[in-house]
Amino acid sequence: MAKHTRGVDVKNGETVDRALKRLKTKLDTEGILEEMRRRRAHESTITRAIRKARTAPKRNKVRWRFQSESQVATAEAAAAARAASE
């Protein structure tokens, strides 16, 4: 089983500061830094709800981008049923 490690290789002539910046950017885009900060201390229920509401649009955007035909048909049927009940 391959061991997955997160990191960057320091290129020839590259400063350590630049390599650290690349590593931080990589971890930030993967959401690791935010999760690390979040797990550092207790998160109240209200704070958790606010965080989830803030990230929901991004999750939904990705979810709806990749739909099968049956999912589209189900969503259209549900929308039609809602419109008929109004």
N, C-alpha and C. Protein backbone atom coordinates (compact mmCIF):
# COMPACT_ATOMS: atom_id res chain seq x y z
N MET A 1 0.84 -1.18 0.00
CA MET A 1 0.00 0.00 0.00
C MET A 1 0.89 1.24 0.00
N ALA A 2 0.59 2.16 -0.89
CA ALA A 2 1.40 3.37 -1.00
C ALA A 2 1.09 4.33 0.14
N LYS A 3 2.13 4.90 0.68
CA LYS A 3 1.96 5.88 1.75
C LYS A 3 1.85 7.26 1.12
N HIS A 4 0.76 7.95 1.43
CA HIS A 4 0.54 9.28 0.86
C HIS A 4 1.06 10.32 1.84
N THR A 5 2.02 11.09 1.39
CA THR A 5 2.53 12.17 2.22
C THR A 5 2.34 13.47 1.48
N ARG A 6 2.03 14.48 2.23
CA ARG A 6 1.86 15.78 1.62
C ARG A 6 3.16 16.54 1.79
N GLY A 7 3.63 17.12 0.72
CA GLY A 7 4.86 17.88 0.80
C GLY A 7 5.24 18.44 -0.55
N VAL A 8 6.30 19.16 -0.54
CA VAL A 8 6.85 19.72 -1.78
C VAL A 8 8.34 19.44 -1.81
N ASP A 9 8.86 19.28 -3.01
CA ASP A 9 10.30 19.11 -3.18
C ASP A 9 10.93 20.47 -3.40
N VAL A 10 12.04 20.72 -2.73
CA VAL A 10 12.75 21.99 -2.92
C VAL A 10 13.53 21.88 -4.22
N LYS A 11 13.26 22.80 -5.12
CA LYS A 11 13.92 22.78 -6.43
C LYS A 11 15.31 23.40 -6.32
N ASN A 12 16.14 23.12 -7.31
CA ASN A 12 17.49 23.69 -7.32
C ASN A 12 17.43 25.21 -7.36
N GLY A 13 18.15 25.84 -6.45
CA GLY A 13 18.21 27.29 -6.42
C GLY A 13 17.01 27.95 -5.76
N GLU A 14 16.07 27.15 -5.25
CA GLU A 14 14.87 27.71 -4.61
C GLU A 14 15.14 27.92 -3.12
N THR A 15 14.67 29.03 -2.60
CA THR A 15 14.85 29.29 -1.17
C THR A 15 13.85 28.46 -0.37
N VAL A 16 14.19 28.24 0.88
CA VAL A 16 13.32 27.47 1.76
C VAL A 16 12.02 28.23 1.99
N ASP A 17 12.10 29.55 2.06
CA ASP A 17 10.90 30.36 2.26
C ASP A 17 9.90 30.15 1.12
N ARG A 18 10.41 30.11 -0.10
CA ARG A 18 9.54 29.92 -1.26
C ARG A 18 8.91 28.53 -1.24
N ALA A 19 9.69 27.52 -0.86
CA ALA A 19 9.17 26.16 -0.77
C ALA A 19 8.10 26.06 0.32
N LEU A 20 8.32 26.76 1.44
CA LEU A 20 7.31 26.78 2.50
C LEU A 20 6.03 27.45 2.03
N LYS A 21 6.17 28.49 1.24
CA LYS A 21 4.99 29.18 0.71
C LYS A 21 4.21 28.25 -0.22
N ARG A 22 4.93 27.49 -1.05
CA ARG A 22 4.25 26.54 -1.94
C ARG A 22 3.54 25.46 -1.12
N LEU A 23 4.18 24.99 -0.04
CA LEU A 23 3.57 23.97 0.81
C LEU A 23 2.32 24.53 1.48
N LYS A 24 2.39 25.74 2.01
CA LYS A 24 1.25 26.35 2.67
C LYS A 24 0.10 26.54 1.69
N THR A 25 0.41 26.97 0.48
CA THR A 25 -0.61 27.15 -0.54
C THR A 25 -1.29 25.83 -0.87
N LYS A 26 -0.49 24.78 -0.99
CA LYS A 26 -1.02 23.46 -1.31
C LYS A 26 -1.94 22.96 -0.19
N LEU A 27 -1.49 23.10 1.05
CA LEU A 27 -2.30 22.66 2.18
C LEU A 27 -3.57 23.49 2.31
N ASP A 28 -3.47 24.78 1.98
CA ASP A 28 -4.64 25.66 2.08
C ASP A 28 -5.69 25.29 1.04
N THR A 29 -5.26 24.99 -0.18
CA THR A 29 -6.22 24.64 -1.23
C THR A 29 -6.89 23.30 -0.93
N GLU A 30 -6.21 22.40 -0.22
CA GLU A 30 -6.80 21.12 0.14
C GLU A 30 -7.65 21.23 1.40
N GLY A 31 -7.61 22.37 2.07
CA GLY A 31 -8.43 22.57 3.26
C GLY A 31 -7.84 21.99 4.53
N ILE A 32 -6.60 21.59 4.49
CA ILE A 32 -5.97 20.95 5.64
C ILE A 32 -5.69 21.97 6.74
N LEU A 33 -5.22 23.16 6.37
CA LEU A 33 -4.91 24.16 7.39
C LEU A 33 -6.16 24.59 8.14
N GLU A 34 -7.25 24.78 7.42
CA GLU A 34 -8.50 25.20 8.07
C GLU A 34 -9.00 24.13 9.02
N GLU A 35 -8.91 22.87 8.60
CA GLU A 35 -9.34 21.77 9.46
C GLU A 35 -8.46 21.67 10.70
N MET A 36 -7.17 21.88 10.52
CA MET A 36 -6.24 21.84 11.65
C MET A 36 -6.57 22.92 12.67
N ARG A 37 -6.84 24.14 12.17
CA ARG A 37 -7.21 25.23 13.07
C ARG A 37 -8.53 24.94 13.78
N ARG A 38 -9.45 24.34 13.04
CA ARG A 38 -10.77 24.05 13.60
C ARG A 38 -10.68 22.99 14.69
N ARG A 39 -9.84 22.01 14.52
CA ARG A 39 -9.72 20.93 15.50
C ARG A 39 -8.88 21.32 16.71
N ARG A 40 -8.21 22.45 16.64
CA ARG A 40 -7.34 22.88 17.72
C ARG A 40 -8.13 23.20 18.99
N ALA A 41 -9.36 23.69 18.84
CA ALA A 41 -10.16 24.07 20.00
C ALA A 41 -11.59 23.60 19.78
N HIS A 42 -12.36 23.59 20.86
CA HIS A 42 -13.76 23.17 20.80
C HIS A 42 -14.56 24.13 19.92
N GLU A 43 -15.45 23.57 19.13
CA GLU A 43 -16.28 24.37 18.24
C GLU A 43 -17.72 24.29 18.73
N SER A 44 -18.32 25.43 19.02
CA SER A 44 -19.70 25.44 19.52
C SER A 44 -20.66 25.04 18.41
N THR A 45 -21.87 24.69 18.79
CA THR A 45 -22.88 24.28 17.82
C THR A 45 -23.20 25.40 16.84
N ILE A 46 -23.28 26.62 17.34
CA ILE A 46 -23.59 27.76 16.49
C ILE A 46 -22.46 28.01 15.49
N THR A 47 -21.23 27.95 15.97
CA THR A 47 -20.07 28.16 15.10
C THR A 47 -20.02 27.09 14.02
N ARG A 48 -20.34 25.85 14.39
CA ARG A 48 -20.34 24.74 13.44
C ARG A 48 -21.41 24.98 12.37
N ALA A 49 -22.59 25.41 12.78
CA ALA A 49 -23.67 25.67 11.82
C ALA A 49 -23.29 26.79 10.86
N ILE A 50 -22.67 27.83 11.38
CA ILE A 50 -22.24 28.96 10.54
C ILE A 50 -21.20 28.48 9.53
N ARG A 51 -20.24 27.67 9.98
CA ARG A 51 -19.19 27.17 9.09
C ARG A 51 -19.80 26.29 8.00
N LYS A 52 -20.72 25.42 8.37
CA LYS A 52 -21.33 24.54 7.38
C LYS A 52 -22.17 25.32 6.38
N ALA A 53 -22.87 26.36 6.86
CA ALA A 53 -23.68 27.18 5.95
C ALA A 53 -22.78 27.95 4.98
N ARG A 54 -21.59 28.35 5.46
CA ARG A 54 -20.66 29.09 4.61
C ARG A 54 -20.08 28.20 3.51
N THR A 55 -19.87 26.90 3.80
CA THR A 55 -19.26 26.02 2.81
C THR A 55 -20.28 25.28 1.96
N ALA A 56 -21.57 25.33 2.33
CA ALA A 56 -22.60 24.58 1.60
C ALA A 56 -22.70 24.97 0.12
N PRO A 57 -22.67 26.26 -0.24
CA PRO A 57 -22.78 26.58 -1.67
C PRO A 57 -21.69 25.94 -2.52
N LYS A 58 -20.49 25.88 -2.00
CA LYS A 58 -19.39 25.27 -2.76
C LYS A 58 -19.64 23.77 -2.95
N ARG A 59 -20.08 23.10 -1.87
CA ARG A 59 -20.37 21.67 -1.97
C ARG A 59 -21.49 21.41 -2.96
N ASN A 60 -22.55 22.21 -2.89
CA ASN A 60 -23.69 22.01 -3.78
C ASN A 60 -23.33 22.29 -5.23
N LYS A 61 -22.48 23.27 -5.46
CA LYS A 61 -22.06 23.59 -6.82
C LYS A 61 -21.36 22.38 -7.45
N VAL A 62 -20.49 21.75 -6.68
CA VAL A 62 -19.77 20.58 -7.19
C VAL A 62 -20.74 19.41 -7.37
N ARG A 63 -21.67 19.25 -6.42
CA ARG A 63 -22.60 18.13 -6.47
C ARG A 63 -23.48 18.20 -7.71
N TRP A 64 -24.00 19.39 -8.02
CA TRP A 64 -24.93 19.52 -9.13
C TRP A 64 -24.23 19.56 -10.48
N ARG A 65 -22.94 19.73 -10.49
CA ARG A 65 -22.21 19.75 -11.76
C ARG A 65 -22.20 18.36 -12.40
N PHE A 66 -22.16 17.32 -11.58
CA PHE A 66 -22.03 15.96 -12.07
C PHE A 66 -23.31 15.19 -11.75
N GLN A 67 -24.32 15.32 -12.59
CA GLN A 67 -25.58 14.64 -12.38
C GLN A 67 -25.81 13.61 -13.47
N SER A 68 -26.40 12.48 -13.05
CA SER A 68 -26.80 11.49 -14.04
C SER A 68 -28.17 11.88 -14.58
N GLU A 69 -28.58 11.24 -15.66
CA GLU A 69 -29.87 11.56 -16.25
C GLU A 69 -31.01 11.23 -15.31
N SER A 70 -30.88 10.15 -14.53
CA SER A 70 -31.94 9.78 -13.60
C SER A 70 -32.06 10.82 -12.47
N GLN A 71 -30.93 11.38 -12.04
CA GLN A 71 -30.97 12.42 -11.02
C GLN A 71 -31.66 13.67 -11.55
N VAL A 72 -31.40 14.01 -12.80
CA VAL A 72 -32.02 15.18 -13.41
C VAL A 72 -33.53 14.96 -13.51
N ALA A 73 -33.94 13.75 -13.94
CA ALA A 73 -35.36 13.44 -14.07
C ALA A 73 -36.05 13.50 -12.71
N THR A 74 -35.41 12.97 -11.67
CA THR A 74 -35.98 13.00 -10.33
C THR A 74 -36.13 14.43 -9.83
N ALA A 75 -35.12 15.25 -10.06
CA ALA A 75 -35.17 16.64 -9.63
C ALA A 75 -36.27 17.40 -10.36
N GLU A 76 -36.44 17.15 -11.65
CA GLU A 76 -37.49 17.82 -12.41
C GLU A 76 -38.87 17.39 -11.94
N ALA A 77 -39.03 16.08 -11.62
CA ALA A 77 -40.31 15.59 -11.13
C ALA A 77 -40.64 16.22 -9.77
N ALA A 78 -39.64 16.36 -8.91
CA ALA A 78 -39.85 16.97 -7.60
C ALA A 78 -40.22 18.43 -7.76
N ALA A 79 -39.57 19.14 -8.68
CA ALA A 79 -39.89 20.55 -8.91
C ALA A 79 -41.30 20.71 -9.45
N ALA A 80 -41.71 19.80 -10.34
CA ALA A 80 -43.07 19.86 -10.88
C ALA A 80 -44.11 19.60 -9.79
N ALA A 81 -43.80 18.66 -8.89
CA ALA A 81 -44.72 18.36 -7.79
C ALA A 81 -44.84 19.54 -6.84
N ARG A 82 -43.73 20.21 -6.58
CA ARG A 82 -43.76 21.40 -5.72
C ARG A 82 -44.58 22.52 -6.37
N ALA A 83 -44.40 22.69 -7.69
CA ALA A 83 -45.12 23.74 -8.39
C ALA A 83 -46.62 23.43 -8.42
N ALA A 84 -46.98 22.15 -8.53
CA ALA A 84 -48.38 21.77 -8.58
C ALA A 84 -49.04 21.96 -7.21
N SER A 85 -48.29 21.77 -6.14
CA SER A 85 -48.87 21.90 -4.79
C SER A 85 -49.02 23.36 -4.38
N GLU A 86 -48.37 24.28 -5.06
CA GLU A 86 -48.46 25.71 -4.70
C GLU A 86 -49.67 26.36 -5.23
